[in-house]
């Protein structure tokens, strides 16, 4: 329903209007899901006034979200029993170095763990599917968090010692929240060795560009760079770039040129662009002098 509203546009105006959703939207909502109670919860979330809308905690406590735990838990248990998949990332109880790998992860510096968290935040849903099943398996209450007791219970049952389980929980709780959310779980179980060299480099490039954001340059700078790279034929070069795309040599990677006016232009960084100003010594500083050999290569 939300995706449909975003596609049509005017979401803000439609929710705040006196009429609210029209009959077409209501019919689409009813047809989208037949689970009892779901439509009522979604409609309450779209209420005009804030006091009429439920809080996030109230939505999490609804029966239809709690009932969804059983299929997720069953899917995770089935995934483990097949033998083809022993978990996700470092969480593989059948791995011979299961305890050793998680113990080393718990000993990493805060900055290194933060870097892993940032990388994990950009992973595709397909790669994170196993992590979501694992998180739902550990989240017994269904409030979107995993407490110390619940985490240690599962970890000890998998073969970790009580001390190692508690240390791993503390390492995952980056911001001292006294619980682990999904992003924390991805961080402590993210297996860097599970990436190929190209995949790891692509994720690091994507991370750099998410932090860096769009690059703003004046139109004079863009024109001068185009003329220099094309040997004076800047006009023909721009014409060859369909849709206004500038060549890779202009932005040290792939990018898109948007003409926003006579004075300014924006070079929007795409996920695969690596900031040319980033040096390996900068990564070392981020890693708190704990360089990963694969990242260095």
Protein backbone atom coordinates (compact mmCIF):
# COMPACT_ATOMS: atom_id res chain seq x y z
CA UNK A 1 0.00 0.00 0.00
CA UNK A 2 2.75 2.44 0.92
CA UNK A 3 4.64 1.54 -2.26
CA UNK A 4 1.49 2.23 -4.30
CA UNK A 5 1.02 5.59 -2.61
CA UNK A 6 4.61 6.59 -3.25
CA UNK A 7 4.22 5.65 -6.88
CA UNK A 8 1.18 7.85 -7.30
CA UNK A 9 2.67 10.76 -5.39
CA UNK A 10 0.99 13.22 -3.06
CA UNK A 11 1.31 10.92 -0.04
CA UNK A 12 1.64 13.76 2.45
CA UNK A 13 -1.36 15.65 1.08
CA UNK A 14 -3.59 12.56 0.91
CA UNK A 15 -2.92 11.52 4.50
CA UNK A 16 -3.45 15.03 5.87
CA UNK A 17 -6.59 15.73 3.83
CA UNK A 18 -10.02 15.61 5.45
CA UNK A 19 -11.23 12.95 3.00
CA UNK A 20 -8.24 10.68 3.44
CA UNK A 21 -7.97 7.64 1.19
CA UNK A 22 -10.54 7.24 -1.57
CA UNK A 23 -12.48 4.06 -2.29
CA UNK A 24 -9.94 2.86 -4.85
CA UNK A 25 -7.15 2.96 -2.30
CA UNK A 26 -9.31 1.15 0.25
CA UNK A 27 -10.13 -1.59 -2.26
CA UNK A 28 -6.45 -2.04 -3.10
CA UNK A 29 -5.65 -2.23 0.60
CA UNK A 30 -8.26 -4.93 1.21
CA UNK A 31 -7.03 -6.94 -1.77
CA UNK A 32 -3.36 -6.60 -0.79
CA UNK A 33 -3.68 -8.69 2.37
CA UNK A 34 -6.39 -10.97 3.71
CA UNK A 35 -4.80 -11.60 7.12
CA UNK A 36 -7.28 -10.50 9.82
CA UNK A 37 -6.34 -7.26 11.54
CA UNK A 38 -3.67 -6.14 9.08
CA UNK A 39 -5.86 -3.68 7.18
CA UNK A 40 -7.06 -2.07 10.40
CA UNK A 41 -3.49 -1.57 11.63
CA UNK A 42 -2.34 -0.05 8.32
CA UNK A 43 -5.34 2.29 8.21
CA UNK A 44 -4.64 3.42 11.76
CA UNK A 45 -1.03 4.18 10.76
CA UNK A 46 -2.37 6.41 7.97
CA UNK A 47 -4.59 8.44 10.31
CA UNK A 48 -4.51 12.19 9.79
CA UNK A 49 -3.77 13.21 13.39
CA UNK A 50 -0.69 11.96 15.24
CA UNK A 51 -2.66 11.13 18.39
CA UNK A 52 -4.81 8.73 16.35
CA UNK A 53 -1.81 6.86 14.94
CA UNK A 54 -0.33 3.94 16.94
CA UNK A 55 3.24 4.03 18.15
CA UNK A 56 5.88 1.76 16.65
CA UNK A 57 5.84 -0.38 19.81
CA UNK A 58 2.07 -0.82 19.59
CA UNK A 59 2.38 -1.97 15.98
CA UNK A 60 5.12 -4.43 16.91
CA UNK A 61 2.87 -5.94 19.59
CA UNK A 62 0.01 -6.68 17.19
CA UNK A 63 -1.00 -10.31 16.82
CA UNK A 64 -0.30 -10.56 13.10
CA UNK A 65 3.36 -9.58 13.58
CA UNK A 66 3.79 -12.00 16.48
CA UNK A 67 2.20 -14.81 14.48
CA UNK A 68 4.75 -14.21 11.71
CA UNK A 69 7.51 -15.46 14.00
CA UNK A 70 6.59 -19.11 13.63
CA UNK A 71 7.08 -19.28 9.83
CA UNK A 72 10.41 -17.44 10.18
CA UNK A 73 11.59 -19.76 12.94
CA UNK A 74 10.48 -22.80 10.99
CA UNK A 75 12.29 -21.55 7.89
CA UNK A 76 15.50 -21.00 9.89
CA UNK A 77 15.29 -24.45 11.50
CA UNK A 78 14.70 -26.02 8.09
CA UNK A 79 17.68 -24.13 6.68
CA UNK A 80 19.92 -25.47 9.45
CA UNK A 81 18.69 -29.06 9.09
CA UNK A 82 19.38 -29.22 5.36
CA UNK A 83 23.13 -29.06 6.00
CA UNK A 84 23.58 -26.91 2.91
CA UNK A 85 23.41 -23.83 5.12
CA UNK A 86 24.77 -23.81 8.65
CA UNK A 87 23.70 -20.30 9.59
CA UNK A 88 24.82 -16.90 8.37
CA UNK A 89 28.29 -15.37 8.31
CA UNK A 90 30.34 -16.24 11.37
CA UNK A 91 27.29 -17.82 13.00
CA UNK A 92 27.85 -21.39 11.91
CA UNK A 93 27.69 -23.78 14.89
CA UNK A 94 28.93 -26.65 12.71
CA UNK A 95 32.07 -24.76 11.67
CA UNK A 96 35.23 -26.21 13.31
CA UNK A 97 36.43 -22.70 14.28
CA UNK A 98 33.02 -21.40 15.32
CA UNK A 99 33.99 -20.30 18.84
CA UNK A 100 37.44 -19.01 17.84
CA UNK A 101 36.13 -16.78 15.07
CA UNK A 102 33.46 -15.19 17.26
CA UNK A 103 35.97 -14.69 20.08
CA UNK A 104 38.26 -12.80 17.70
CA UNK A 105 35.33 -10.70 16.50
CA UNK A 106 34.53 -9.71 20.09
CA UNK A 107 38.13 -8.53 20.58
CA UNK A 108 38.12 -6.10 17.62
CA UNK A 109 38.34 -2.38 18.25
CA UNK A 110 35.22 -0.21 18.36
CA UNK A 111 36.17 1.60 15.15
CA UNK A 112 36.71 -1.65 13.27
CA UNK A 113 33.32 -2.91 14.41
CA UNK A 114 31.76 0.38 13.35
CA UNK A 115 33.26 -0.05 9.87
CA UNK A 116 31.79 -3.55 9.67
CA UNK A 117 28.44 -2.12 10.72
CA UNK A 118 28.56 0.47 7.94
CA UNK A 119 29.43 -2.19 5.37
CA UNK A 120 26.60 -4.41 6.61
CA UNK A 121 24.11 -1.55 6.29
CA UNK A 122 24.69 -1.46 2.53
CA UNK A 123 24.35 -5.17 1.77
CA UNK A 124 21.62 -6.38 -0.56
CA UNK A 125 18.43 -8.00 0.84
CA UNK A 126 19.38 -11.29 -0.84
CA UNK A 127 22.68 -11.45 1.03
CA UNK A 128 20.96 -10.50 4.31
CA UNK A 129 18.14 -13.04 4.04
CA UNK A 130 19.86 -15.59 6.26
CA UNK A 131 20.69 -12.90 8.81
CA UNK A 132 17.03 -11.88 9.01
CA UNK A 133 15.95 -15.46 9.64
CA UNK A 134 18.61 -15.76 12.34
CA UNK A 135 17.53 -12.50 13.98
CA UNK A 136 13.88 -13.53 14.02
CA UNK A 137 14.93 -16.85 15.55
CA UNK A 138 16.75 -15.06 18.37
CA UNK A 139 14.08 -12.39 18.86
CA UNK A 140 11.76 -14.44 21.06
CA UNK A 141 9.68 -11.50 22.31
CA UNK A 142 9.12 -10.01 18.86
CA UNK A 143 9.94 -6.40 19.74
CA UNK A 144 12.80 -6.09 17.24
CA UNK A 145 15.57 -6.47 19.83
CA UNK A 146 17.61 -9.28 21.37
CA UNK A 147 18.48 -8.94 25.05
CA UNK A 148 21.54 -10.24 26.85
CA UNK A 149 19.79 -13.27 28.36
CA UNK A 150 18.17 -14.32 25.09
CA UNK A 151 21.41 -13.90 23.15
CA UNK A 152 23.54 -15.79 25.67
CA UNK A 153 20.96 -18.58 25.85
CA UNK A 154 21.15 -19.18 22.10
CA UNK A 155 24.94 -18.72 21.98
CA UNK A 156 25.62 -21.16 24.84
CA UNK A 157 23.28 -23.71 23.25
CA UNK A 158 25.30 -23.36 20.02
CA UNK A 159 28.59 -24.13 21.80
CA UNK A 160 29.98 -20.80 23.04
CA UNK A 161 31.02 -20.36 26.64
CA UNK A 162 29.04 -18.01 28.87
CA UNK A 163 31.97 -15.58 29.04
CA UNK A 164 32.47 -15.55 25.26
CA UNK A 165 28.73 -15.09 24.70
CA UNK A 166 28.57 -12.08 27.01
CA UNK A 167 31.71 -10.56 25.46
CA UNK A 168 30.22 -10.98 21.98
CA UNK A 169 26.99 -9.30 23.08
CA UNK A 170 28.92 -6.35 24.52
CA UNK A 171 30.92 -6.07 21.28
CA UNK A 172 27.72 -6.03 19.26
CA UNK A 173 26.13 -3.34 21.42
CA UNK A 174 28.05 -0.49 19.78
CA UNK A 175 26.06 2.31 21.38
CA UNK A 176 25.41 0.82 24.83
CA UNK A 177 21.70 0.27 24.20
CA UNK A 178 21.62 -2.85 26.41
CA UNK A 179 20.21 -4.84 23.49
CA UNK A 180 21.08 -5.89 19.94
CA UNK A 181 19.06 -4.80 16.93
CA UNK A 182 19.26 -6.29 13.44
CA UNK A 183 22.15 -4.06 12.33
CA UNK A 184 24.15 -5.05 15.43
CA UNK A 185 23.59 -8.72 14.67
CA UNK A 186 24.77 -8.26 11.07
CA UNK A 187 27.90 -6.50 12.32
CA UNK A 188 29.05 -9.19 14.77
CA UNK A 189 28.34 -12.06 12.35
CA UNK A 190 29.47 -10.43 9.08
CA UNK A 191 32.09 -12.72 7.52
CA UNK A 192 34.57 -10.64 5.53
CA UNK A 193 36.21 -13.81 4.22
CA UNK A 194 32.91 -14.76 2.61
CA UNK A 195 33.37 -11.97 0.05
CA UNK A 196 35.46 -12.29 -3.04
CA UNK A 197 38.13 -9.67 -3.65
CA UNK A 198 35.95 -7.78 -6.14
CA UNK A 199 32.86 -8.00 -3.93
CA UNK A 200 34.72 -6.62 -0.93
CA UNK A 201 36.16 -3.76 -2.96
CA UNK A 202 32.70 -2.95 -4.35
CA UNK A 203 31.22 -2.82 -0.84
CA UNK A 204 34.02 -0.54 0.37
CA UNK A 205 33.51 1.75 -2.62
CA UNK A 206 29.78 1.85 -1.93
CA UNK A 207 30.49 2.67 1.72
CA UNK A 208 32.81 5.54 0.80
CA UNK A 209 30.25 7.05 -1.54
CA UNK A 210 27.40 6.78 0.95
CA UNK A 211 29.51 8.70 3.46
CA UNK A 212 30.82 11.15 0.89
CA UNK A 213 27.46 12.01 -0.70
CA UNK A 214 26.97 14.07 -3.89
CA UNK A 215 29.87 16.18 -5.16
CA UNK A 216 29.07 19.79 -6.02
CA UNK A 217 31.20 21.55 -8.62
CA UNK A 218 30.80 24.80 -10.53
CA UNK A 219 29.90 24.67 -14.20
CA UNK A 220 33.21 26.35 -15.04
CA UNK A 221 35.15 23.54 -13.35
CA UNK A 222 33.13 20.90 -15.17
CA UNK A 223 33.62 22.61 -18.54
CA UNK A 224 37.35 23.04 -17.98
CA UNK A 225 37.76 19.38 -17.03
CA UNK A 226 35.77 18.20 -20.04
CA UNK A 227 37.82 20.36 -22.42
CA UNK A 228 41.09 19.17 -20.90
CA UNK A 229 40.18 15.50 -21.11
CA UNK A 230 38.79 15.74 -24.62
CA UNK A 231 41.64 17.80 -26.05
CA UNK A 232 39.43 20.78 -26.78
CA UNK A 233 36.49 18.80 -28.12
CA UNK A 234 34.38 19.10 -25.03
CA UNK A 235 31.16 19.86 -26.87
CA UNK A 236 31.34 16.72 -29.00
CA UNK A 237 32.25 14.67 -25.94
CA UNK A 238 29.17 15.82 -24.06
CA UNK A 239 27.00 15.09 -27.09
CA UNK A 240 28.36 11.55 -27.24
CA UNK A 241 27.31 10.98 -23.63
CA UNK A 242 23.63 10.12 -23.93
CA UNK A 243 21.47 11.64 -21.23
CA UNK A 244 24.23 13.97 -20.06
CA UNK A 245 26.48 11.29 -18.58
CA UNK A 246 30.11 12.27 -18.23
CA UNK A 247 32.90 9.80 -18.98
CA UNK A 248 34.67 7.83 -16.28
CA UNK A 249 37.84 9.90 -16.50
CA UNK A 250 35.95 13.03 -15.44
CA UNK A 251 34.96 11.81 -11.97
CA UNK A 252 37.62 9.15 -11.39
CA UNK A 253 34.82 6.61 -11.80
CA UNK A 254 31.25 6.52 -13.03
CA UNK A 255 28.98 9.50 -12.48
CA UNK A 256 26.11 11.52 -13.84
CA UNK A 257 26.14 15.15 -14.88
CA UNK A 258 22.98 17.17 -14.21
CA UNK A 259 22.57 20.68 -15.53
CA UNK A 260 20.83 22.49 -12.68
CA UNK A 261 21.30 26.02 -13.96
CA UNK A 262 23.75 28.45 -15.51
CA UNK A 263 26.07 28.53 -12.51
CA UNK A 264 26.03 25.17 -10.75
CA UNK A 265 26.30 21.52 -11.67
CA UNK A 266 26.07 18.39 -9.56
CA UNK A 267 28.12 15.26 -10.02
CA UNK A 268 26.07 12.58 -8.30
CA UNK A 269 28.25 9.74 -7.02
CA UNK A 270 27.07 6.24 -7.85
CA UNK A 271 27.72 3.23 -5.57
CA UNK A 272 30.72 1.97 -7.55
CA UNK A 273 32.68 5.25 -7.47
CA UNK A 274 35.73 5.31 -5.22
CA UNK A 275 36.68 8.66 -3.76
CA UNK A 276 40.13 9.38 -5.28
CA UNK A 277 41.08 11.37 -2.18
CA UNK A 278 40.72 8.32 0.08
CA UNK A 279 44.12 6.76 0.82
CA UNK A 280 44.88 3.47 2.50
CA UNK A 281 46.31 5.37 5.47
CA UNK A 282 42.82 6.81 5.96
CA UNK A 283 41.40 3.31 6.11
CA UNK A 284 44.09 2.37 8.61
CA UNK A 285 42.98 5.24 10.80
CA UNK A 286 39.40 4.03 10.54
CA UNK A 287 40.48 0.50 11.42
CA UNK A 288 42.38 1.78 14.47
CA UNK A 289 45.71 0.37 13.22
CA UNK A 290 44.21 -3.10 12.78
CA UNK A 291 44.57 -3.51 8.98
CA UNK A 292 42.79 -6.37 7.29
CA UNK A 293 45.19 -8.03 4.84
CA UNK A 294 42.43 -8.55 2.27
CA UNK A 295 41.36 -4.91 2.47
CA UNK A 296 44.99 -3.84 2.09
CA UNK A 297 45.43 -5.91 -1.08
